[in-house]
Amino acid sequence: MEWDDALVVFYSTLAVLLLSIITSFSSVPFLENLAKYSLFYAVSNLLPIGMLDGTKLFFGSRPLFAFTWILAIITALTIAL
């Protein structure tokens, strides 16, 4: 059960990170802001505090939790450049 929850959280976070990467390549100011806000949403949701998705991911699969954080950091570096 916990593994299933961890997979759902991983794929939902992955979708938000992909949205962030795709919208960061746009020259429209609204989409540039959407990239930053979606990255902030993904990172804040990955924190293992209370009922956030990070708790489900942390207790469901710690290697998947670490991999998701690595993807979030790579996405942040991609947007910053």
N, C-alpha and C. Protein backbone atom coordinates (compact mmCIF):
# COMPACT_ATOMS: atom_id res chain seq x y z
N MET A 1 0.81 -1.20 0.00
CA MET A 1 0.00 0.00 0.00
C MET A 1 0.86 1.27 0.00
N GLU A 2 1.90 1.28 0.84
CA GLU A 2 2.75 2.47 0.88
C GLU A 2 3.53 2.65 -0.42
N TRP A 3 3.93 1.54 -1.04
CA TRP A 3 4.66 1.62 -2.30
C TRP A 3 3.78 2.21 -3.39
N ASP A 4 2.51 1.84 -3.40
CA ASP A 4 1.58 2.38 -4.39
C ASP A 4 1.41 3.89 -4.21
N ASP A 5 1.28 4.32 -2.97
CA ASP A 5 1.17 5.76 -2.70
C ASP A 5 2.44 6.49 -3.13
N ALA A 6 3.59 5.87 -2.89
CA ALA A 6 4.85 6.49 -3.28
C ALA A 6 4.94 6.64 -4.80
N LEU A 7 4.48 5.65 -5.54
CA LEU A 7 4.51 5.76 -7.00
C LEU A 7 3.58 6.85 -7.52
N VAL A 8 2.42 6.98 -6.92
CA VAL A 8 1.48 8.03 -7.32
C VAL A 8 2.09 9.40 -7.06
N VAL A 9 2.71 9.56 -5.90
CA VAL A 9 3.35 10.84 -5.56
C VAL A 9 4.51 11.11 -6.50
N PHE A 10 5.29 10.08 -6.83
CA PHE A 10 6.43 10.27 -7.73
C PHE A 10 5.97 10.74 -9.10
N TYR A 11 4.96 10.08 -9.65
CA TYR A 11 4.51 10.45 -11.00
C TYR A 11 3.82 11.81 -11.02
N SER A 12 3.13 12.17 -9.96
CA SER A 12 2.50 13.50 -9.94
C SER A 12 3.57 14.58 -9.82
N THR A 13 4.60 14.33 -9.03
CA THR A 13 5.69 15.30 -8.92
C THR A 13 6.47 15.38 -10.23
N LEU A 14 6.67 14.25 -10.86
CA LEU A 14 7.34 14.22 -12.16
C LEU A 14 6.57 15.04 -13.19
N ALA A 15 5.25 14.94 -13.17
CA ALA A 15 4.43 15.72 -14.12
C ALA A 15 4.58 17.22 -13.87
N VAL A 16 4.62 17.62 -12.62
CA VAL A 16 4.77 19.04 -12.29
C VAL A 16 6.17 19.52 -12.70
N LEU A 17 7.18 18.70 -12.48
CA LEU A 17 8.53 19.08 -12.89
C LEU A 17 8.66 19.18 -14.41
N LEU A 18 8.02 18.27 -15.13
CA LEU A 18 8.02 18.36 -16.60
C LEU A 18 7.29 19.61 -17.08
N LEU A 19 6.20 19.94 -16.44
CA LEU A 19 5.49 21.18 -16.77
C LEU A 19 6.40 22.38 -16.55
N SER A 20 7.14 22.33 -15.48
CA SER A 20 8.05 23.43 -15.18
C SER A 20 9.14 23.56 -16.23
N ILE A 21 9.69 22.45 -16.67
CA ILE A 21 10.74 22.49 -17.69
C ILE A 21 10.19 22.98 -19.03
N ILE A 22 9.03 22.48 -19.42
CA ILE A 22 8.45 22.86 -20.71
C ILE A 22 8.09 24.34 -20.75
N THR A 23 7.50 24.84 -19.68
CA THR A 23 7.10 26.25 -19.68
C THR A 23 8.27 27.20 -19.49
N SER A 24 9.41 26.70 -19.02
CA SER A 24 10.55 27.59 -18.82
C SER A 24 11.18 28.00 -20.15
N PHE A 25 10.94 27.26 -21.22
CA PHE A 25 11.50 27.59 -22.52
C PHE A 25 10.66 28.60 -23.30
N SER A 26 9.57 29.04 -22.72
CA SER A 26 8.70 30.00 -23.39
C SER A 26 9.21 31.42 -23.14
N SER A 27 8.87 32.30 -24.05
CA SER A 27 9.24 33.71 -23.88
C SER A 27 8.07 34.54 -23.34
N VAL A 28 6.95 33.89 -23.10
CA VAL A 28 5.78 34.58 -22.55
C VAL A 28 5.98 34.73 -21.04
N PRO A 29 5.86 35.94 -20.50
CA PRO A 29 6.11 36.15 -19.07
C PRO A 29 5.23 35.29 -18.16
N PHE A 30 3.98 35.09 -18.55
CA PHE A 30 3.09 34.28 -17.72
C PHE A 30 3.60 32.84 -17.60
N LEU A 31 4.08 32.28 -18.71
CA LEU A 31 4.57 30.92 -18.68
C LEU A 31 5.90 30.80 -17.94
N GLU A 32 6.72 31.85 -18.01
CA GLU A 32 7.96 31.84 -17.24
C GLU A 32 7.66 31.83 -15.74
N ASN A 33 6.67 32.61 -15.34
CA ASN A 33 6.27 32.60 -13.93
C ASN A 33 5.64 31.27 -13.55
N LEU A 34 4.90 30.67 -14.46
CA LEU A 34 4.30 29.37 -14.19
C LEU A 34 5.39 28.32 -13.94
N ALA A 35 6.49 28.41 -14.66
CA ALA A 35 7.60 27.47 -14.46
C ALA A 35 8.17 27.61 -13.06
N LYS A 36 8.35 28.83 -12.60
CA LYS A 36 8.90 29.05 -11.27
C LYS A 36 7.93 28.61 -10.18
N TYR A 37 6.65 28.94 -10.36
CA TYR A 37 5.67 28.56 -9.34
C TYR A 37 5.45 27.06 -9.29
N SER A 38 5.48 26.39 -10.43
CA SER A 38 5.29 24.94 -10.41
C SER A 38 6.50 24.25 -9.80
N LEU A 39 7.69 24.78 -10.00
CA LEU A 39 8.88 24.23 -9.35
C LEU A 39 8.79 24.44 -7.84
N PHE A 40 8.37 25.62 -7.42
CA PHE A 40 8.20 25.88 -5.99
C PHE A 40 7.16 24.94 -5.38
N TYR A 41 6.08 24.71 -6.10
CA TYR A 41 5.04 23.79 -5.63
C TYR A 41 5.58 22.38 -5.47
N ALA A 42 6.33 21.91 -6.46
CA ALA A 42 6.87 20.55 -6.40
C ALA A 42 7.85 20.39 -5.24
N VAL A 43 8.73 21.36 -5.06
CA VAL A 43 9.73 21.26 -4.00
C VAL A 43 9.08 21.36 -2.63
N SER A 44 8.14 22.27 -2.46
CA SER A 44 7.50 22.41 -1.15
C SER A 44 6.63 21.19 -0.84
N ASN A 45 6.10 20.56 -1.85
CA ASN A 45 5.28 19.37 -1.64
C ASN A 45 6.12 18.14 -1.33
N LEU A 46 7.41 18.17 -1.66
CA LEU A 46 8.30 17.03 -1.39
C LEU A 46 8.82 17.01 0.05
N LEU A 47 8.58 18.06 0.80
CA LEU A 47 9.04 18.07 2.18
C LEU A 47 8.27 17.02 2.98
N PRO A 48 8.99 16.18 3.73
CA PRO A 48 8.30 15.12 4.50
C PRO A 48 7.72 15.65 5.81
N ILE A 49 6.75 16.52 5.70
CA ILE A 49 6.13 17.14 6.87
C ILE A 49 4.63 16.86 6.82
N GLY A 50 4.10 16.30 7.88
CA GLY A 50 2.66 16.12 8.02
C GLY A 50 2.02 15.35 6.88
N MET A 51 1.00 15.94 6.29
CA MET A 51 0.23 15.27 5.25
C MET A 51 0.68 15.63 3.83
N LEU A 52 1.83 16.25 3.68
CA LEU A 52 2.32 16.57 2.35
C LEU A 52 2.73 15.28 1.62
N ASP A 53 2.86 15.37 0.32
CA ASP A 53 3.21 14.20 -0.48
C ASP A 53 4.59 13.65 -0.15
N GLY A 54 5.47 14.51 0.33
CA GLY A 54 6.81 14.05 0.66
C GLY A 54 6.81 13.00 1.75
N THR A 55 5.87 13.06 2.68
CA THR A 55 5.78 12.06 3.73
C THR A 55 5.42 10.70 3.15
N LYS A 56 4.47 10.67 2.25
CA LYS A 56 4.08 9.40 1.62
C LYS A 56 5.23 8.82 0.80
N LEU A 57 5.95 9.69 0.13
CA LEU A 57 7.07 9.23 -0.68
C LEU A 57 8.23 8.77 0.21
N PHE A 58 8.49 9.49 1.28
CA PHE A 58 9.60 9.15 2.18
C PHE A 58 9.39 7.80 2.84
N PHE A 59 8.19 7.55 3.34
CA PHE A 59 7.93 6.29 4.02
C PHE A 59 7.59 5.16 3.04
N GLY A 60 7.21 5.49 1.83
CA GLY A 60 6.91 4.47 0.84
C GLY A 60 8.15 3.90 0.18
N SER A 61 9.09 4.78 -0.16
CA SER A 61 10.33 4.33 -0.81
C SER A 61 11.38 5.42 -0.67
N ARG A 62 12.35 5.19 0.17
CA ARG A 62 13.39 6.20 0.38
C ARG A 62 14.29 6.38 -0.85
N PRO A 63 14.63 5.32 -1.60
CA PRO A 63 15.42 5.56 -2.83
C PRO A 63 14.64 6.40 -3.86
N LEU A 64 13.35 6.16 -3.97
CA LEU A 64 12.53 6.96 -4.88
C LEU A 64 12.42 8.40 -4.39
N PHE A 65 12.38 8.59 -3.07
CA PHE A 65 12.37 9.92 -2.47
C PHE A 65 13.65 10.67 -2.84
N ALA A 66 14.79 10.01 -2.70
CA ALA A 66 16.07 10.64 -3.04
C ALA A 66 16.15 10.95 -4.53
N PHE A 67 15.69 10.02 -5.36
CA PHE A 67 15.71 10.23 -6.81
C PHE A 67 14.83 11.40 -7.21
N THR A 68 13.69 11.55 -6.57
CA THR A 68 12.79 12.66 -6.87
C THR A 68 13.43 13.98 -6.49
N TRP A 69 14.12 14.03 -5.36
CA TRP A 69 14.82 15.25 -4.98
C TRP A 69 15.93 15.59 -5.97
N ILE A 70 16.63 14.58 -6.46
CA ILE A 70 17.67 14.82 -7.46
C ILE A 70 17.05 15.40 -8.73
N LEU A 71 15.92 14.85 -9.15
CA LEU A 71 15.22 15.40 -10.32
C LEU A 71 14.78 16.84 -10.09
N ALA A 72 14.31 17.15 -8.89
CA ALA A 72 13.89 18.52 -8.58
C ALA A 72 15.07 19.48 -8.62
N ILE A 73 16.22 19.04 -8.13
CA ILE A 73 17.41 19.90 -8.17
C ILE A 73 17.88 20.11 -9.59
N ILE A 74 17.87 19.07 -10.40
CA ILE A 74 18.25 19.21 -11.82
C ILE A 74 17.28 20.14 -12.54
N THR A 75 16.00 20.04 -12.24
CA THR A 75 15.02 20.93 -12.85
C THR A 75 15.25 22.36 -12.43
N ALA A 76 15.55 22.59 -11.17
CA ALA A 76 15.83 23.95 -10.70
C ALA A 76 17.05 24.53 -11.39
N LEU A 77 18.08 23.72 -11.58
CA LEU A 77 19.26 24.20 -12.29
C LEU A 77 18.97 24.47 -13.75
N THR A 78 18.11 23.67 -14.36
CA THR A 78 17.73 23.89 -15.75
C THR A 78 16.96 25.20 -15.92
N ILE A 79 16.08 25.47 -15.00
CA ILE A 79 15.29 26.71 -15.08
C ILE A 79 16.15 27.92 -14.79
N ALA A 80 17.11 27.79 -13.89
CA ALA A 80 17.96 28.92 -13.53
C ALA A 80 18.88 29.34 -14.68
N LEU A 81 19.21 28.40 -15.54
CA LEU A 81 20.10 28.74 -16.65
C LEU A 81 19.30 29.26 -17.77
